[in-house]
Amino acid sequence: MSGLSGLSGLPGKRGKRGKRAFDLLAGGALLLLAGPLLAALAVAVRLDSRGPAWFRQRRVGLGGRPFTIIKFRTMRHGSTYLGTGLETSRDDFRITRVGRFLRNLRLDELPQLINVLQGSMSLVGPRPLLPEFLPYYSSRDRRRLEVPPGMTGWQQVSGAARHSWRERVDLDIWYVDHHSLGLDLRILWLTVGVLLRADTVYAPDGSQRSGVPDAYAELQRHGASESEES
């Protein structure tokens, strides 16, 4: 795919190898440093509510291939399809006390360092979204799948949940077309500030709809309207 040719500012396979080497070195170092924190957070999740510390979920990766993402569990165990289902919000009743803390600081994403070392994710790239949304992608939307998904990305440091779906896709495609090792380092640096501010986890109205394709959202609205009329 065309978006893969610019990785690390080098053509083709050299660029991909460079990005992968950086992910292994930096990701491995971060996992070692974060080990004690990961252990402490896992204990906190288990003590706060019933269920496992880890949450595993299928996501869409490079080229549309599915993989299993690893996160800290932030919701009540088994509540994925309750309430608003695949959409979450700031006041979602399913979010646990510890889960709210983890989400606000994005610490629930830390276990994805394991995904990075496994090769299903990169440190930097478009965020991986749910496979249920893939049929609602336009051909342009699919361009965000031309590079490996990341723990953080250009869209995340440029407003994150404050964006519409179209704005998210525009930013993801910009990254696909311009990615380089230098840009990845810049994004990682900017991510530190995003974590400290914690003001882009949710949109101003408390939603996280930037990760939901417009076509899927429209279908959900149409279904809700029909239900009210009946």
Protein backbone atom coordinates (compact mmCIF):
# COMPACT_ATOMS: atom_id res chain seq x y z
CA MET A 1 0.00 0.00 0.00
CA SER A 2 1.22 3.49 -0.81
CA GLY A 3 1.20 4.78 2.77
CA LEU A 4 3.80 2.23 3.85
CA SER A 5 6.54 3.57 1.60
CA GLY A 6 7.49 6.54 3.79
CA LEU A 7 8.13 4.88 7.14
CA SER A 8 11.09 6.41 8.96
CA GLY A 9 11.58 8.73 5.99
CA LEU A 10 13.08 5.88 3.97
CA PRO A 11 11.64 3.97 1.02
CA GLY A 12 9.96 0.59 1.21
CA LYS A 13 11.35 -2.20 3.35
CA ARG A 14 14.15 -0.12 4.90
CA GLY A 15 11.61 2.28 6.34
CA LYS A 16 9.44 -0.52 7.73
CA ARG A 17 12.47 -2.20 9.28
CA GLY A 18 13.55 1.08 10.84
CA LYS A 19 10.14 1.69 12.39
CA ARG A 20 9.99 -1.89 13.66
CA ALA A 21 13.48 -1.65 15.20
CA PHE A 22 12.51 1.56 16.96
CA ASP A 23 9.31 -0.04 18.28
CA LEU A 24 11.24 -3.01 19.66
CA LEU A 25 13.94 -0.92 21.34
CA ALA A 26 11.74 1.86 22.71
CA GLY A 27 8.77 -0.40 23.44
CA GLY A 28 10.93 -2.93 25.26
CA ALA A 29 12.57 -0.22 27.37
CA LEU A 30 9.21 1.36 28.22
CA LEU A 31 7.75 -2.02 29.21
CA LEU A 32 10.66 -2.67 31.57
CA LEU A 33 10.37 0.78 33.13
CA ALA A 34 6.58 0.53 33.43
CA GLY A 35 6.63 -3.01 34.86
CA PRO A 36 6.09 -2.02 38.52
CA LEU A 37 3.34 0.44 37.55
CA LEU A 38 1.60 -2.18 35.42
CA ALA A 39 1.64 -4.62 38.32
CA ALA A 40 0.25 -2.03 40.76
CA LEU A 41 -2.51 -0.98 38.37
CA ALA A 42 -3.47 -4.62 37.73
CA VAL A 43 -3.92 -5.13 41.46
CA ALA A 44 -5.98 -1.93 41.73
CA VAL A 45 -8.31 -3.04 38.92
CA ARG A 46 -8.84 -6.45 40.52
CA LEU A 47 -9.55 -4.96 43.96
CA ASP A 48 -11.94 -2.34 42.62
CA SER A 49 -14.41 -4.62 40.83
CA ARG A 50 -15.10 -8.23 39.95
CA GLY A 51 -13.33 -9.58 36.89
CA PRO A 52 -9.86 -9.81 35.33
CA ALA A 53 -7.34 -6.96 35.24
CA TRP A 54 -6.85 -7.32 31.49
CA PHE A 55 -9.39 -6.54 28.82
CA ARG A 56 -8.87 -8.19 25.45
CA GLN A 57 -10.79 -7.08 22.39
CA ARG A 58 -10.59 -7.59 18.64
CA ARG A 59 -9.44 -4.54 16.70
CA VAL A 60 -8.55 -3.79 13.08
CA GLY A 61 -4.86 -3.51 12.25
CA LEU A 62 -2.62 -3.03 9.25
CA GLY A 63 -4.42 -3.69 5.98
CA GLY A 64 -7.68 -4.42 7.80
CA ARG A 65 -6.32 -7.55 9.50
CA PRO A 66 -7.85 -8.23 12.93
CA PHE A 67 -5.78 -8.64 16.08
CA THR A 68 -6.41 -8.77 19.83
CA ILE A 69 -5.66 -5.56 21.70
CA ILE A 70 -4.70 -5.70 25.39
CA LYS A 71 -5.84 -3.01 27.82
CA PHE A 72 -6.60 -2.63 31.48
CA ARG A 73 -10.27 -3.33 32.14
CA THR A 74 -12.05 -0.04 32.88
CA MET A 75 -15.67 -1.23 32.77
CA ARG A 76 -17.73 -3.70 34.72
CA HIS A 77 -16.88 -7.22 33.64
CA GLY A 78 -19.16 -8.44 30.85
CA SER A 79 -20.81 -5.07 30.23
CA THR A 80 -19.45 -4.36 26.74
CA TYR A 81 -22.84 -4.60 25.05
CA LEU A 82 -24.95 -3.07 27.83
CA GLY A 83 -26.19 0.52 27.81
CA THR A 84 -24.86 2.36 24.76
CA GLY A 85 -22.95 -0.72 23.63
CA LEU A 86 -19.91 0.03 21.47
CA GLU A 87 -20.13 3.78 22.19
CA THR A 88 -18.89 5.15 25.51
CA SER A 89 -19.13 8.53 27.23
CA ARG A 90 -17.73 10.36 30.24
CA ASP A 91 -20.75 9.45 32.41
CA ASP A 92 -21.09 5.84 31.21
CA PHE A 93 -22.46 3.83 34.15
CA ARG A 94 -20.33 0.86 33.13
CA ILE A 95 -17.02 2.58 33.93
CA THR A 96 -15.58 1.57 37.30
CA ARG A 97 -14.00 3.94 39.82
CA VAL A 98 -10.45 2.84 39.02
CA GLY A 99 -11.40 2.62 35.34
CA ARG A 100 -12.34 6.30 35.28
CA PHE A 101 -8.95 7.22 36.73
CA LEU A 102 -7.15 5.03 34.19
CA ARG A 103 -9.13 6.46 31.27
CA ASN A 104 -8.57 10.08 32.27
CA LEU A 105 -4.80 9.55 32.26
CA ARG A 106 -4.93 7.00 29.42
CA LEU A 107 -3.12 4.50 31.63
CA ASP A 108 -5.53 1.80 30.46
CA GLU A 109 -3.52 1.79 27.20
CA LEU A 110 -0.18 0.84 28.82
CA PRO A 111 -0.55 -2.94 28.31
CA GLN A 112 -0.53 -2.27 24.56
CA LEU A 113 3.27 -2.17 24.87
CA ILE A 114 2.86 -5.97 24.65
CA ASN A 115 1.03 -5.52 21.33
CA VAL A 116 3.90 -3.34 20.13
CA LEU A 117 6.48 -6.00 20.96
CA GLN A 118 4.30 -8.65 19.31
CA GLY A 119 4.21 -6.57 16.12
CA SER A 120 0.44 -6.09 15.89
CA MET A 121 0.82 -2.42 16.85
CA SER A 122 3.39 0.36 16.69
CA LEU A 123 4.15 3.04 19.25
CA VAL A 124 2.82 5.64 16.80
CA GLY A 125 0.06 5.29 14.22
CA PRO A 126 -3.70 5.69 13.78
CA ARG A 127 -5.60 4.24 16.72
CA PRO A 128 -7.04 0.75 16.04
CA LEU A 129 -10.82 0.71 15.98
CA LEU A 130 -13.45 -2.01 16.25
CA PRO A 131 -13.97 -4.52 13.40
CA GLU A 132 -17.73 -3.91 13.64
CA PHE A 133 -17.09 -0.49 12.10
CA LEU A 134 -15.04 -1.70 9.13
CA PRO A 135 -18.02 -2.36 6.78
CA TYR A 136 -18.97 1.31 7.21
CA TYR A 137 -15.58 2.65 6.08
CA SER A 138 -15.48 4.53 2.81
CA SER A 139 -12.58 3.86 0.45
CA ARG A 140 -10.95 7.00 1.81
CA ASP A 141 -11.50 5.92 5.42
CA ARG A 142 -9.61 2.70 4.64
CA ARG A 143 -6.46 4.67 3.96
CA ARG A 144 -5.94 4.91 7.71
CA LEU A 145 -5.23 1.16 7.60
CA GLU A 146 -2.17 1.61 5.35
CA VAL A 147 0.22 1.84 8.32
CA PRO A 148 0.35 -0.16 11.58
CA PRO A 149 -2.01 1.10 14.31
CA GLY A 150 -0.41 2.91 17.21
CA MET A 151 -0.65 3.48 20.95
CA THR A 152 -0.62 7.19 20.17
CA GLY A 153 -0.81 9.13 16.93
CA TRP A 154 -1.08 12.44 15.13
CA GLN A 155 -4.84 12.52 15.67
CA GLN A 156 -4.43 11.82 19.41
CA VAL A 157 -2.05 14.74 19.97
CA SER A 158 -4.14 17.07 17.78
CA GLY A 159 -7.41 16.95 19.69
CA ALA A 160 -8.34 13.25 19.98
CA ALA A 161 -12.00 12.84 21.00
CA ARG A 162 -12.75 16.49 20.22
CA HIS A 163 -12.73 15.63 16.50
CA SER A 164 -15.52 14.46 14.26
CA TRP A 165 -15.06 11.20 12.37
CA ARG A 166 -14.14 13.14 9.23
CA GLU A 167 -11.53 15.19 11.09
CA ARG A 168 -10.08 12.01 12.60
CA VAL A 169 -9.74 10.42 9.18
CA ASP A 170 -8.18 13.57 7.73
CA LEU A 171 -5.52 13.61 10.46
CA ASP A 172 -4.87 9.88 10.16
CA ILE A 173 -4.41 10.18 6.40
CA TRP A 174 -2.08 13.13 6.89
CA TYR A 175 0.04 10.88 9.08
CA VAL A 176 -0.05 8.09 6.50
CA ASP A 177 1.26 10.50 3.87
CA HIS A 178 3.93 12.17 6.02
CA HIS A 179 5.10 9.62 8.60
CA SER A 180 8.79 9.47 9.43
CA LEU A 181 10.94 8.63 12.43
CA GLY A 182 11.25 12.34 13.17
CA LEU A 183 7.48 12.79 13.15
CA ASP A 184 7.04 9.74 15.38
CA LEU A 185 9.48 11.21 17.92
CA ARG A 186 7.62 14.52 17.82
CA ILE A 187 4.29 12.75 18.41
CA LEU A 188 5.71 10.79 21.34
CA TRP A 189 6.96 14.04 22.89
CA LEU A 190 3.60 15.75 22.37
CA THR A 191 1.86 12.72 23.90
CA VAL A 192 3.45 13.55 27.27
CA GLY A 193 1.64 16.90 27.31
CA VAL A 194 -1.63 15.26 26.25
CA LEU A 195 -1.37 12.81 29.15
CA LEU A 196 -0.73 15.59 31.64
CA ARG A 197 -3.67 17.71 30.43
CA ALA A 198 -6.16 14.82 30.16
CA ASP A 199 -8.65 17.13 28.44
CA THR A 200 -9.14 15.32 25.14
CA VAL A 201 -10.27 11.90 26.35
CA TYR A 202 -13.86 12.96 25.71
CA ALA A 203 -15.51 15.56 23.49
CA PRO A 204 -16.97 18.68 25.17
CA ASP A 205 -20.36 16.92 25.32
CA GLY A 206 -18.77 13.93 27.07
CA SER A 207 -18.93 11.59 24.07
CA GLN A 208 -16.25 9.63 22.23
CA ARG A 209 -17.92 9.57 18.84
CA SER A 210 -14.78 10.50 16.87
CA GLY A 211 -14.03 6.78 16.69
CA VAL A 212 -17.41 5.93 15.14
CA PRO A 213 -17.81 6.12 11.33
CA ASP A 214 -20.47 8.53 10.14
CA ALA A 215 -22.30 5.78 8.25
CA TYR A 216 -22.52 3.61 11.40
CA ALA A 217 -23.64 6.55 13.56
CA GLU A 218 -26.34 7.45 11.04
CA LEU A 219 -27.62 3.86 11.02
CA GLN A 220 -27.79 3.88 14.83
CA ARG A 221 -29.70 7.17 14.84
CA HIS A 222 -32.13 5.83 12.24
CA GLY A 223 -32.68 2.66 14.27
CA ALA A 224 -33.29 4.66 17.47
CA SER A 225 -35.77 6.90 15.65
CA GLU A 226 -37.74 3.91 14.37
CA SER A 227 -37.81 2.40 17.86
CA GLU A 228 -39.26 5.61 19.31
CA GLU A 229 -41.95 5.77 16.62
CA SER A 230 -43.00 2.18 17.20
